């Protein structure tokens, strides 16, 4: 159909909101925020706009994936190395959106 763009992502995104922490490769805490959507290949996150000035192009992140029925075999906490793909303003002037690509895909087992 005209006007529809083909999805080029290898990993489908799911709307998942959860706590997120961003660290430098050296382990320095840079920001706390929230995931807005996740896929096995990356995340779009919301962080305070004042954290952008010190944000390197490669970061470590930790986040959780909420589960309706968690089990001991299904970890909810994840850590990943990620590359900052883009930054964009949000409606709230105190926040910025940041697109992250994981260094290696994760197996998040996201619900459809």
PDB file of N, CA and C in Angstrom:
ATOM      1  N   UNK A   1       0.831  -1.174   0.000  1.00  0.00           N
ATOM      2  CA  UNK A   1       0.000   0.000   0.000  1.00  0.00           C
ATOM      3  C   UNK A   1       0.876   1.238   0.000  1.00  0.00           C
ATOM      4  N   UNK A   2       0.455   2.270  -0.683  1.00  0.00           N
ATOM      5  CA  UNK A   2       1.233   3.498  -0.680  1.00  0.00           C
ATOM      6  C   UNK A   2       1.328   4.091   0.723  1.00  0.00           C
ATOM      7  N   UNK A   3       2.496   4.608   1.039  1.00  0.00           N
ATOM      8  CA  UNK A   3       2.697   5.260   2.323  1.00  0.00           C
ATOM      9  C   UNK A   3       3.122   4.321   3.443  1.00  0.00           C
ATOM     10  N   UNK A   4       3.054   3.027   3.234  1.00  0.00           N
ATOM     11  CA  UNK A   4       3.487   2.082   4.259  1.00  0.00           C
ATOM     12  C   UNK A   4       4.922   1.675   3.981  1.00  0.00           C
ATOM     13  N   UNK A   5       5.752   1.798   4.997  1.00  0.00           N
ATOM     14  CA  UNK A   5       7.144   1.401   4.848  1.00  0.00           C
ATOM     15  C   UNK A   5       7.309  -0.025   5.338  1.00  0.00           C
ATOM     16  N   UNK A   6       8.153  -0.766   4.654  1.00  0.00           N
ATOM     17  CA  UNK A   6       8.438  -2.126   5.059  1.00  0.00           C
ATOM     18  C   UNK A   6       9.311  -2.104   6.310  1.00  0.00           C
ATOM     19  N   UNK A   7       8.965  -2.936   7.287  1.00  0.00           N
ATOM     20  CA  UNK A   7       9.750  -3.054   8.517  1.00  0.00           C
ATOM     21  C   UNK A   7      11.081  -3.711   8.173  1.00  0.00           C
ATOM     22  N   UNK A   8      12.174  -3.024   8.497  1.00  0.00           N
ATOM     23  CA  UNK A   8      13.501  -3.541   8.166  1.00  0.00           C
ATOM     24  C   UNK A   8      14.198  -4.193   9.356  1.00  0.00           C
ATOM     25  N   UNK A   9      13.599  -4.123  10.514  1.00  0.00           N
ATOM     26  CA  UNK A   9      14.226  -4.693  11.700  1.00  0.00           C
ATOM     27  C   UNK A   9      14.176  -6.212  11.656  1.00  0.00           C
ATOM     28  N   UNK A  10      15.273  -6.832  12.106  1.00  0.00           N
ATOM     29  CA  UNK A  10      15.320  -8.294  12.170  1.00  0.00           C
ATOM     30  C   UNK A  10      14.573  -8.821  13.376  1.00  0.00           C
ATOM     31  N   UNK A  11      14.446  -7.989  14.405  1.00  0.00           N
ATOM     32  CA  UNK A  11      13.817  -8.415  15.652  1.00  0.00           C
ATOM     33  C   UNK A  11      12.594  -7.543  15.912  1.00  0.00           C
ATOM     34  N   UNK A  12      11.406  -8.133  15.973  1.00  0.00           N
ATOM     35  CA  UNK A  12      10.201  -7.330  16.203  1.00  0.00           C
ATOM     36  C   UNK A  12      10.231  -6.656  17.573  1.00  0.00           C
ATOM     37  N   UNK A  13       9.771  -5.405  17.598  1.00  0.00           N
ATOM     38  CA  UNK A  13       9.713  -4.634  18.842  1.00  0.00           C
ATOM     39  C   UNK A  13       8.398  -4.893  19.558  1.00  0.00           C
ATOM     40  N   UNK A  14       8.485  -4.839  20.879  1.00  0.00           N
ATOM     41  CA  UNK A  14       7.291  -4.967  21.715  1.00  0.00           C
ATOM     42  C   UNK A  14       7.278  -3.803  22.698  1.00  0.00           C
ATOM     43  N   UNK A  15       6.115  -3.219  22.957  1.00  0.00           N
ATOM     44  CA  UNK A  15       6.058  -2.150  23.960  1.00  0.00           C
ATOM     45  C   UNK A  15       6.269  -2.751  25.352  1.00  0.00           C
ATOM     46  N   UNK A  16       7.388  -2.447  25.950  1.00  0.00           N
ATOM     47  CA  UNK A  16       7.726  -2.946  27.283  1.00  0.00           C
ATOM     48  C   UNK A  16       8.293  -1.774  28.070  1.00  0.00           C
ATOM     49  N   UNK A  17       7.639  -1.430  29.168  1.00  0.00           N
ATOM     50  CA  UNK A  17       8.143  -0.352  30.008  1.00  0.00           C
ATOM     51  C   UNK A  17       8.685  -0.957  31.289  1.00  0.00           C
ATOM     52  N   UNK A  18       9.965  -0.688  31.552  1.00  0.00           N
ATOM     53  CA  UNK A  18      10.599  -1.189  32.768  1.00  0.00           C
ATOM     54  C   UNK A  18      11.782  -0.305  33.131  1.00  0.00           C
ATOM     55  N   UNK A  19      12.268  -0.470  34.345  1.00  0.00           N
ATOM     56  CA  UNK A  19      13.413   0.301  34.823  1.00  0.00           C
ATOM     57  C   UNK A  19      14.667  -0.064  34.031  1.00  0.00           C
ATOM     58  N   UNK A  20      15.521   0.937  33.845  1.00  0.00           N
ATOM     59  CA  UNK A  20      16.747   0.772  33.069  1.00  0.00           C
ATOM     60  C   UNK A  20      17.846   1.587  33.733  1.00  0.00           C
ATOM     61  N   UNK A  21      19.064   1.067  33.698  1.00  0.00           N
ATOM     62  CA  UNK A  21      20.229   1.820  34.171  1.00  0.00           C
ATOM     63  C   UNK A  21      21.284   1.777  33.072  1.00  0.00           C
ATOM     64  N   UNK A  22      21.953   2.907  32.876  1.00  0.00           N
ATOM     65  CA  UNK A  22      22.973   3.043  31.835  1.00  0.00           C
ATOM     66  C   UNK A  22      24.318   3.299  32.508  1.00  0.00           C
ATOM     67  N   UNK A  23      25.340   2.554  32.061  1.00  0.00           N
ATOM     68  CA  UNK A  23      26.684   2.647  32.614  1.00  0.00           C
ATOM     69  C   UNK A  23      27.692   2.835  31.493  1.00  0.00           C
ATOM     70  N   UNK A  24      28.824   3.452  31.814  1.00  0.00           N
ATOM     71  CA  UNK A  24      29.944   3.498  30.875  1.00  0.00           C
ATOM     72  C   UNK A  24      30.585   2.117  30.843  1.00  0.00           C
ATOM     73  N   UNK A  25      31.465   1.882  29.869  1.00  0.00           N
ATOM     74  CA  UNK A  25      32.180   0.607  29.824  1.00  0.00           C
ATOM     75  C   UNK A  25      33.040   0.426  31.066  1.00  0.00           C
ATOM     76  N   UNK A  26      33.441   1.528  31.699  1.00  0.00           N
ATOM     77  CA  UNK A  26      34.227   1.464  32.921  1.00  0.00           C
ATOM     78  C   UNK A  26      33.392   1.229  34.170  1.00  0.00           C
ATOM     79  N   UNK A  27      32.069   1.185  34.043  1.00  0.00           N
ATOM     80  CA  UNK A  27      31.194   0.902  35.163  1.00  0.00           C
ATOM     81  C   UNK A  27      30.600   2.124  35.840  1.00  0.00           C
ATOM     82  N   UNK A  28      30.877   3.331  35.332  1.00  0.00           N
ATOM     83  CA  UNK A  28      30.327   4.548  35.919  1.00  0.00           C
ATOM     84  C   UNK A  28      28.838   4.661  35.581  1.00  0.00           C
ATOM     85  N   UNK A  29      28.010   4.885  36.616  1.00  0.00           N
ATOM     86  CA  UNK A  29      26.576   5.043  36.391  1.00  0.00           C
ATOM     87  C   UNK A  29      26.326   6.370  35.684  1.00  0.00           C
ATOM     88  N   UNK A  30      25.659   6.324  34.532  1.00  0.00           N
ATOM     89  CA  UNK A  30      25.420   7.524  33.732  1.00  0.00           C
ATOM     90  C   UNK A  30      23.978   8.018  33.813  1.00  0.00           C
ATOM     91  N   UNK A  31      23.029   7.106  33.900  1.00  0.00           N
ATOM     92  CA  UNK A  31      21.624   7.527  33.888  1.00  0.00           C
ATOM     93  C   UNK A  31      20.725   6.384  34.344  1.00  0.00           C
ATOM     94  N   UNK A  32      19.573   6.775  34.860  1.00  0.00           N
ATOM     95  CA  UNK A  32      18.488   5.838  35.146  1.00  0.00           C
ATOM     96  C   UNK A  32      17.309   6.278  34.293  1.00  0.00           C
ATOM     97  N   UNK A  33      16.588   5.337  33.758  1.00  0.00           N
ATOM     98  CA  UNK A  33      15.460   5.673  32.905  1.00  0.00           C
ATOM     99  C   UNK A  33      14.495   4.518  32.787  1.00  0.00           C
ATOM    100  N   UNK A  34      13.792   4.465  31.661  1.00  0.00           N
ATOM    101  CA  UNK A  34      12.790   3.431  31.410  1.00  0.00           C
ATOM    102  C   UNK A  34      12.911   2.952  29.976  1.00  0.00           C
ATOM    103  N   UNK A  35      12.693   1.658  29.784  1.00  0.00           N
ATOM    104  CA  UNK A  35      12.548   1.166  28.426  1.00  0.00           C
ATOM    105  C   UNK A  35      11.153   1.555  27.953  1.00  0.00           C
ATOM    106  N   UNK A  36      11.017   1.864  26.683  1.00  0.00           N
ATOM    107  CA  UNK A  36       9.709   2.127  26.090  1.00  0.00           C
ATOM    108  C   UNK A  36       9.307   0.988  25.167  1.00  0.00           C
ATOM    109  N   UNK A  37      10.292   0.445  24.454  1.00  0.00           N
ATOM    110  CA  UNK A  37      10.064  -0.778  23.705  1.00  0.00           C
ATOM    111  C   UNK A  37      11.352  -1.578  23.650  1.00  0.00           C
ATOM    112  N   UNK A  38      11.199  -2.880  23.478  1.00  0.00           N
ATOM    113  CA  UNK A  38      12.334  -3.806  23.467  1.00  0.00           C
ATOM    114  C   UNK A  38      12.200  -4.783  22.322  1.00  0.00           C
ATOM    115  N   UNK A  39      13.328  -5.286  21.877  1.00  0.00           N
ATOM    116  CA  UNK A  39      13.386  -6.424  20.975  1.00  0.00           C
ATOM    117  C   UNK A  39      14.623  -7.203  21.365  1.00  0.00           C
ATOM    118  N   UNK A  40      14.804  -8.367  20.780  1.00  0.00           N
ATOM    119  CA  UNK A  40      16.020  -9.141  21.050  1.00  0.00           C
ATOM    120  C   UNK A  40      17.261  -8.400  20.569  1.00  0.00           C
ATOM    121  N   UNK A  41      17.093  -7.444  19.662  1.00  0.00           N
ATOM    122  CA  UNK A  41      18.229  -6.732  19.085  1.00  0.00           C
ATOM    123  C   UNK A  41      18.501  -5.353  19.641  1.00  0.00           C
ATOM    124  N   UNK A  42      17.572  -4.813  20.455  1.00  0.00           N
ATOM    125  CA  UNK A  42      17.812  -3.466  20.961  1.00  0.00           C
ATOM    126  C   UNK A  42      16.650  -2.934  21.771  1.00  0.00           C
ATOM    127  N   UNK A  43      16.741  -1.647  22.080  1.00  0.00           N
ATOM    128  CA  UNK A  43      15.728  -1.014  22.921  1.00  0.00           C
ATOM    129  C   UNK A  43      15.612   0.456  22.560  1.00  0.00           C
ATOM    130  N   UNK A  44      14.435   1.000  22.799  1.00  0.00           N
ATOM    131  CA  UNK A  44      14.249   2.441  22.761  1.00  0.00           C
ATOM    132  C   UNK A  44      13.944   2.833  24.188  1.00  0.00           C
ATOM    133  N   UNK A  45      14.733   3.762  24.727  1.00  0.00           N
ATOM    134  CA  UNK A  45      14.652   4.092  26.143  1.00  0.00           C
ATOM    135  C   UNK A  45      14.456   5.581  26.349  1.00  0.00           C
ATOM    136  N   UNK A  46      13.958   5.903  27.519  1.00  0.00           N
ATOM    137  CA  UNK A  46      13.771   7.297  27.925  1.00  0.00           C
ATOM    138  C   UNK A  46      14.709   7.557  29.090  1.00  0.00           C
ATOM    139  N   UNK A  47      15.565   8.589  28.952  1.00  0.00           N
ATOM    140  CA  UNK A  47      16.485   8.970  30.021  1.00  0.00           C
ATOM    141  C   UNK A  47      16.416  10.487  30.204  1.00  0.00           C
ATOM    142  N   UNK A  48      16.890  11.002  31.327  1.00  0.00           N
ATOM    143  CA  UNK A  48      16.899  12.450  31.517  1.00  0.00           C
ATOM    144  C   UNK A  48      17.759  13.143  30.453  1.00  0.00           C
ATOM    145  N   UNK A  49      17.264  14.250  29.930  1.00  0.00           N
ATOM    146  CA  UNK A  49      17.969  14.957  28.874  1.00  0.00           C
ATOM    147  C   UNK A  49      19.354  15.426  29.331  1.00  0.00           C
ATOM    148  N   UNK A  50      19.511  15.726  30.616  1.00  0.00           N
ATOM    149  CA  UNK A  50      20.827  16.178  31.083  1.00  0.00           C
ATOM    150  C   UNK A  50      21.877  15.072  31.078  1.00  0.00           C
ATOM    151  N   UNK A  51      21.477  13.810  30.900  1.00  0.00           N
ATOM    152  CA  UNK A  51      22.432  12.704  30.808  1.00  0.00           C
ATOM    153  C   UNK A  51      23.011  12.556  29.402  1.00  0.00           C
ATOM    154  N   UNK A  52      22.422  13.225  28.412  1.00  0.00           N
ATOM    155  CA  UNK A  52      22.879  13.076  27.025  1.00  0.00           C
ATOM    156  C   UNK A  52      24.292  13.596  26.807  1.00  0.00           C
ATOM    157  N   UNK A  53      24.660  14.662  27.485  1.00  0.00           N
ATOM    158  CA  UNK A  53      25.967  15.270  27.235  1.00  0.00           C
ATOM    159  C   UNK A  53      27.111  14.334  27.603  1.00  0.00           C
ATOM    160  N   UNK A  54      26.916  13.455  28.557  1.00  0.00           N
ATOM    161  CA  UNK A  54      27.977  12.530  28.947  1.00  0.00           C
ATOM    162  C   UNK A  54      27.786  11.128  28.406  1.00  0.00           C
ATOM    163  N   UNK A  55      26.857  10.960  27.472  1.00  0.00           N
ATOM    164  CA  UNK A  55      26.536   9.630  26.960  1.00  0.00           C
ATOM    165  C   UNK A  55      27.505   9.238  25.843  1.00  0.00           C
ATOM    166  N   UNK A  56      28.333   8.198  26.068  1.00  0.00           N
ATOM    167  CA  UNK A  56      29.247   7.758  25.015  1.00  0.00           C
ATOM    168  C   UNK A  56      28.488   6.974  23.937  1.00  0.00           C
ATOM    169  N   UNK A  57      29.164   6.637  22.860  1.00  0.00           N
ATOM    170  CA  UNK A  57      28.512   5.916  21.765  1.00  0.00           C
ATOM    171  C   UNK A  57      28.295   4.439  22.093  1.00  0.00           C
ATOM    172  N   UNK A  58      29.016   3.938  23.077  1.00  0.00           N
ATOM    173  CA  UNK A  58      28.832   2.544  23.515  1.00  0.00           C
ATOM    174  C   UNK A  58      28.646   2.541  25.028  1.00  0.00           C
ATOM    175  N   UNK A  59      27.641   1.792  25.483  1.00  0.00           N
ATOM    176  CA  UNK A  59      27.292   1.765  26.900  1.00  0.00           C
ATOM    177  C   UNK A  59      26.979   0.337  27.341  1.00  0.00           C
ATOM    178  N   UNK A  60      26.926   0.152  28.626  1.00  0.00           N
ATOM    179  CA  UNK A  60      26.391  -1.066  29.231  1.00  0.00           C
ATOM    180  C   UNK A  60      25.063  -0.686  29.861  1.00  0.00           C
ATOM    181  N   UNK A  61      24.095  -1.577  29.779  1.00  0.00           N
ATOM    182  CA  UNK A  61      22.794  -1.301  30.368  1.00  0.00           C
ATOM    183  C   UNK A  61      22.329  -2.506  31.188  1.00  0.00           C
ATOM    184  N   UNK A  62      21.490  -2.237  32.155  1.00  0.00           N
ATOM    185  CA  UNK A  62      20.776  -3.284  32.876  1.00  0.00           C
ATOM    186  C   UNK A  62      19.302  -2.912  32.845  1.00  0.00           C
ATOM    187  N   UNK A  63      18.452  -3.911  32.718  1.00  0.00           N
ATOM    188  CA  UNK A  63      17.011  -3.680  32.688  1.00  0.00           C
ATOM    189  C   UNK A  63      16.299  -4.970  33.063  1.00  0.00           C
ATOM    190  N   UNK A  64      15.029  -4.835  33.341  1.00  0.00           N
ATOM    191  CA  UNK A  64      14.226  -6.017  33.644  1.00  0.00           C
ATOM    192  C   UNK A  64      13.088  -6.116  32.646  1.00  0.00           C
ATOM    193  N   UNK A  65      12.607  -7.340  32.474  1.00  0.00           N
ATOM    194  CA  UNK A  65      11.463  -7.585  31.606  1.00  0.00           C
ATOM    195  C   UNK A  65      10.337  -8.109  32.483  1.00  0.00           C
ATOM    196  N   UNK A  66       9.266  -7.345  32.613  1.00  0.00           N
ATOM    197  CA  UNK A  66       8.148  -7.823  33.430  1.00  0.00           C
ATOM    198  C   UNK A  66       7.529  -9.080  32.819  1.00  0.00           C
ATOM    199  N   UNK A  67       7.170 -10.002  33.647  1.00  0.00           N
ATOM    200  CA  UNK A  67       6.542 -11.256  33.198  1.00  0.00           C
ATOM    201  C   UNK A  67       5.209 -11.425  33.914  1.00  0.00           C
ATOM    202  N   UNK A  68       4.236 -11.931  33.184  1.00  0.00           N
ATOM    203  CA  UNK A  68       2.946 -12.203  33.809  1.00  0.00           C
ATOM    204  C   UNK A  68       3.060 -13.371  34.775  1.00  0.00           C
ATOM    205  N   UNK A  69       3.826 -14.383  34.394  1.00  0.00           N
ATOM    206  CA  UNK A  69       3.964 -15.576  35.217  1.00  0.00           C
ATOM    207  C   UNK A  69       5.440 -15.956  35.290  1.00  0.00           C
ATOM    208  N   UNK A  70       6.252 -15.229  36.085  1.00  0.00           N
ATOM    209  CA  UNK A  70       7.682 -15.525  36.135  1.00  0.00           C
ATOM    210  C   UNK A  70       7.959 -16.903  36.726  1.00  0.00           C
ATOM    211  N   UNK A  71       8.995 -17.528  36.214  1.00  0.00           N
ATOM    212  CA  UNK A  71       9.440 -18.821  36.724  1.00  0.00           C
ATOM    213  C   UNK A  71      10.930 -18.728  37.003  1.00  0.00           C
ATOM    214  N   UNK A  72      11.462 -19.626  37.839  1.00  0.00           N
ATOM    215  CA  UNK A  72      12.905 -19.589  38.106  1.00  0.00           C
ATOM    216  C   UNK A  72      13.756 -19.764  36.844  1.00  0.00           C
ATOM    217  N   UNK A  73      13.218 -20.452  35.833  1.00  0.00           N
ATOM    218  CA  UNK A  73      13.977 -20.674  34.593  1.00  0.00           C
ATOM    219  C   UNK A  73      13.954 -19.460  33.665  1.00  0.00           C
ATOM    220  N   UNK A  74      13.093 -18.490  33.942  1.00  0.00           N
ATOM    221  CA  UNK A  74      12.959 -17.319  33.086  1.00  0.00           C
ATOM    222  C   UNK A  74      13.546 -16.102  33.795  1.00  0.00           C
ATOM    223  N   UNK A  75      14.787 -15.753  33.488  1.00  0.00           N
ATOM    224  CA  UNK A  75      15.347 -14.578  34.173  1.00  0.00           C
ATOM    225  C   UNK A  75      14.605 -13.313  33.766  1.00  0.00           C
ATOM    226  N   UNK A  76      14.427 -12.438  34.728  1.00  0.00           N
ATOM    227  CA  UNK A  76      13.762 -11.175  34.454  1.00  0.00           C
ATOM    228  C   UNK A  76      14.771 -10.046  34.322  1.00  0.00           C
ATOM    229  N   UNK A  77      15.952 -10.206  34.877  1.00  0.00           N
ATOM    230  CA  UNK A  77      16.984  -9.167  34.843  1.00  0.00           C
ATOM    231  C   UNK A  77      17.964  -9.455  33.700  1.00  0.00           C
ATOM    232  N   UNK A  78      18.325  -8.404  32.966  1.00  0.00           N
ATOM    233  CA  UNK A  78      19.242  -8.551  31.839  1.00  0.00           C
ATOM    234  C   UNK A  78      20.319  -7.478  31.892  1.00  0.00           C
ATOM    235  N   UNK A  79      21.462  -7.804  31.335  1.00  0.00           N
ATOM    236  CA  UNK A  79      22.551  -6.849  31.157  1.00  0.00           C
ATOM    237  C   UNK A  79      23.034  -7.000  29.722  1.00  0.00           C
ATOM    238  N   UNK A  80      23.398  -5.886  29.097  1.00  0.00           N
ATOM    239  CA  UNK A  80      23.837  -5.936  27.707  1.00  0.00           C
ATOM    240  C   UNK A  80      24.787  -4.792  27.401  1.00  0.00           C
ATOM    241  N   UNK A  81      25.666  -5.042  26.449  1.00  0.00           N
ATOM    242  CA  UNK A  81      26.464  -3.979  25.856  1.00  0.00           C
ATOM    243  C   UNK A  81      25.648  -3.451  24.694  1.00  0.00           C
ATOM    244  N   UNK A  82      25.655  -2.129  24.498  1.00  0.00           N
ATOM    245  CA  UNK A  82      24.821  -1.544  23.447  1.00  0.00           C
ATOM    246  C   UNK A  82      25.511  -0.359  22.791  1.00  0.00           C
ATOM    247  N   UNK A  83      25.111  -0.120  21.561  1.00  0.00           N
ATOM    248  CA  UNK A  83      25.590   1.029  20.798  1.00  0.00           C
ATOM    249  C   UNK A  83      24.446   2.029  20.695  1.00  0.00           C
ATOM    250  N   UNK A  84      24.752   3.302  20.932  1.00  0.00           N
ATOM    251  CA  UNK A  84      23.747   4.358  20.802  1.00  0.00           C
ATOM    252  C   UNK A  84      23.556   4.628  19.309  1.00  0.00           C
ATOM    253  N   UNK A  85      22.344   4.414  18.831  1.00  0.00           N
ATOM    254  CA  UNK A  85      22.023   4.598  17.408  1.00  0.00           C
ATOM    255  C   UNK A  85      21.554   6.016  17.133  1.00  0.00           C
ATOM    256  N   UNK A  86      20.654   6.512  17.983  1.00  0.00           N
ATOM    257  CA  UNK A  86      20.167   7.886  17.801  1.00  0.00           C
ATOM    258  C   UNK A  86      19.590   8.400  19.103  1.00  0.00           C
ATOM    259  N   UNK A  87      19.471   9.723  19.158  1.00  0.00           N
ATOM    260  CA  UNK A  87      18.847  10.411  20.288  1.00  0.00           C
ATOM    261  C   UNK A  87      17.787  11.339  19.714  1.00  0.00           C
ATOM    262  N   UNK A  88      16.677  11.483  20.429  1.00  0.00           N
ATOM    263  CA  UNK A  88      15.636  12.376  19.944  1.00  0.00           C
ATOM    264  C   UNK A  88      14.907  12.996  21.119  1.00  0.00           C
ATOM    265  N   UNK A  89      14.377  14.205  20.923  1.00  0.00           N
ATOM    266  CA  UNK A  89      13.628  14.849  22.001  1.00  0.00           C
ATOM    267  C   UNK A  89      12.326  14.108  22.266  1.00  0.00           C
ATOM    268  N   UNK A  90      11.826  14.259  23.484  1.00  0.00           N
ATOM    269  CA  UNK A  90      10.532  13.690  23.864  1.00  0.00           C
ATOM    270  C   UNK A  90       9.582  14.859  24.138  1.00  0.00           C
ATOM    271  N   UNK A  91       8.325  14.580  24.291  1.00  0.00           N
ATOM    272  CA  UNK A  91       7.356  15.653  24.603  1.00  0.00           C
ATOM    273  C   UNK A  91       7.692  16.336  25.915  1.00  0.00           C
ATOM    274  N   UNK A  92       8.157  15.554  26.875  1.00  0.00           N
ATOM    275  CA  UNK A  92       8.614  16.095  28.149  1.00  0.00           C
ATOM    276  C   UNK A  92      10.020  16.638  27.924  1.00  0.00           C
ATOM    277  N   UNK A  93      10.202  17.927  28.044  1.00  0.00           N
ATOM    278  CA  UNK A  93      11.493  18.556  27.746  1.00  0.00           C
ATOM    279  C   UNK A  93      12.614  18.086  28.670  1.00  0.00           C
ATOM    280  N   UNK A  94      12.272  17.416  29.756  1.00  0.00           N
ATOM    281  CA  UNK A  94      13.285  16.920  30.683  1.00  0.00           C
ATOM    282  C   UNK A  94      13.791  15.537  30.304  1.00  0.00           C
ATOM    283  N   UNK A  95      13.219  14.932  29.260  1.00  0.00           N
ATOM    284  CA  UNK A  95      13.584  13.574  28.870  1.00  0.00           C
ATOM    285  C   UNK A  95      13.991  13.516  27.406  1.00  0.00           C
ATOM    286  N   UNK A  96      14.792  12.511  27.090  1.00  0.00           N
ATOM    287  CA  UNK A  96      15.205  12.262  25.717  1.00  0.00           C
ATOM    288  C   UNK A  96      15.002  10.785  25.406  1.00  0.00           C
ATOM    289  N   UNK A  97      14.696  10.498  24.159  1.00  0.00           N
ATOM    290  CA  UNK A  97      14.598   9.121  23.703  1.00  0.00           C
ATOM    291  C   UNK A  97      15.927   8.704  23.105  1.00  0.00           C
ATOM    292  N   UNK A  98      16.362   7.500  23.422  1.00  0.00           N
ATOM    293  CA  UNK A  98      17.633   6.992  22.916  1.00  0.00           C
ATOM    294  C   UNK A  98      17.398   5.593  22.365  1.00  0.00           C
ATOM    295  N   UNK A  99      17.787   5.388  21.107  1.00  0.00           N
ATOM    296  CA  UNK A  99      17.707   4.070  20.482  1.00  0.00           C
ATOM    297  C   UNK A  99      19.027   3.356  20.700  1.00  0.00           C
ATOM    298  N   UNK A 100      18.951   2.125  21.186  1.00  0.00           N
ATOM    299  CA  UNK A 100      20.133   1.324  21.476  1.00  0.00           C
ATOM    300  C   UNK A 100      20.095   0.031  20.679  1.00  0.00           C
ATOM    301  N   UNK A 101      21.238  -0.366  20.165  1.00  0.00           N
ATOM    302  CA  UNK A 101      21.381  -1.655  19.494  1.00  0.00           C
ATOM    303  C   UNK A 101      22.288  -2.529  20.350  1.00  0.00           C
ATOM    304  N   UNK A 102      21.784  -3.714  20.740  1.00  0.00           N
ATOM    305  CA  UNK A 102      22.594  -4.605  21.553  1.00  0.00           C
ATOM    306  C   UNK A 102      23.760  -5.146  20.744  1.00  0.00           C
ATOM    307  N   UNK A 103      24.908  -5.307  21.406  1.00  0.00           N
ATOM    308  CA  UNK A 103      26.099  -5.838  20.731  1.00  0.00           C
ATOM    309  C   UNK A 103      25.822  -7.227  20.162  1.00  0.00           C
ATOM    310  N   UNK A 104      25.116  -8.027  20.932  1.00  0.00           N
ATOM    311  CA  UNK A 104      24.696  -9.363  20.486  1.00  0.00           C
ATOM    312  C   UNK A 104      23.213  -9.512  20.843  1.00  0.00           C
ATOM    313  N   UNK A 105      22.424 -10.118  19.980  1.00  0.00           N
ATOM    314  CA  UNK A 105      21.003 -10.284  20.291  1.00  0.00           C
ATOM    315  C   UNK A 105      20.797 -11.054  21.589  1.00  0.00           C
ATOM    316  N   UNK A 106      19.755 -10.676  22.313  1.00  0.00           N
ATOM    317  CA  UNK A 106      19.380 -11.354  23.541  1.00  0.00           C
ATOM    318  C   UNK A 106      18.179 -12.244  23.265  1.00  0.00           C
ATOM    319  N   UNK A 107      17.958 -13.220  24.099  1.00  0.00           N
ATOM    320  CA  UNK A 107      16.757 -14.056  23.995  1.00  0.00           C
ATOM    321  C   UNK A 107      15.821 -13.637  25.110  1.00  0.00           C
ATOM    322  N   UNK A 108      15.017 -12.613  24.832  1.00  0.00           N
ATOM    323  CA  UNK A 108      14.146 -12.029  25.844  1.00  0.00           C
ATOM    324  C   UNK A 108      12.823 -12.750  25.998  1.00  0.00           C
ATOM    325  N   UNK A 109      12.448 -13.566  25.020  1.00  0.00           N
ATOM    326  CA  UNK A 109      11.177 -14.291  25.061  1.00  0.00           C
ATOM    327  C   UNK A 109      10.015 -13.353  25.350  1.00  0.00           C
ATOM    328  N   UNK A 110       9.921 -12.313  24.545  1.00  0.00           N
ATOM    329  CA  UNK A 110       8.878 -11.307  24.728  1.00  0.00           C
ATOM    330  C   UNK A 110       7.539 -11.858  24.270  1.00  0.00           C
ATOM    331  N   UNK A 111       6.500 -11.535  25.035  1.00  0.00           N
ATOM    332  CA  UNK A 111       5.148 -11.965  24.700  1.00  0.00           C
ATOM    333  C   UNK A 111       4.671 -11.215  23.465  1.00  0.00           C
ATOM    334  N   UNK A 112       3.884 -11.867  22.651  1.00  0.00           N
ATOM    335  CA  UNK A 112       3.334 -11.248  21.436  1.00  0.00           C
ATOM    336  C   UNK A 112       2.269 -10.232  21.764  1.00  0.00           C
TER     337      UNK A 112
END
